[in-house]
Amino acid sequence: MSLFNVYLVWLLSFLVTMPTRLDKMWIITEESSLEIFISTNVKDFHCELKGYSGDEVLYERLDIVSGMFQLSGKLEVASADFDCHNRFMTSDFAKTLKADDYPLIAIRFIDLLPMTNRDNPDVLQGSAEITLAGVTNVYKIRCTSSDNGTTKHLNGSQALRLSDFGLVPPKKLFGALTVSDSVWVEFHLKLKSI
């Protein structure tokens, strides 16, 4: 057998046994943030998640042949850990979320994939499952992603309606202050490779 044939057999056996998938894990760090923007007929409020410890993991599956990757995983935060920078609004928001009965809000990324539009490969789209006050809804989401190999940033936002989760927006002062049913959620996840 010639040297070329030996090399060809070796190359073919390497290609056959070469992995086609690479899995990676990313831990969500405590530097991540989750913010909820609430509108009322009087003033808008901005509620920030306080005290997130950062220990959940997102999983990345990379198809080596196509170069496509998929992110999935779950994030859980305490319903009572949002600070609306107004003690009455903070208390009312926790009551609206039924924080005593449902202490956790869960966001599960079912699949986040790069958009097929190659002009903007940093934009991901997919599905996310949000559980609030014991009710789960699935949303189509988009976010941006930046990655340097050891850290990754995911930034995105989503509009939600409280009534979709069986929640009633509070009214105060005999209806003089009413909270909108629609809220805007922004997430800034800072991930570290593990």
Foldseek 3Di string as FASTA:
>chain_A
DDPVVVVVVVVVVCVVPPDQKDKFKWWFAPVKWKWKWWDKPPDIWIKIFPDDHTGWMKMKMAGNVVRKIKIWTKDKGFLLRIDRVDVVVSVLSSVLLVRVQPGIKMKIFPIWIQDPPPVARQKTWGKIWIATSNDIDIDIWIWGWDDDPFKMKTKTKDKDFSVNNVTAFDAPPVNPMTIHRIMMMIIITMIGID
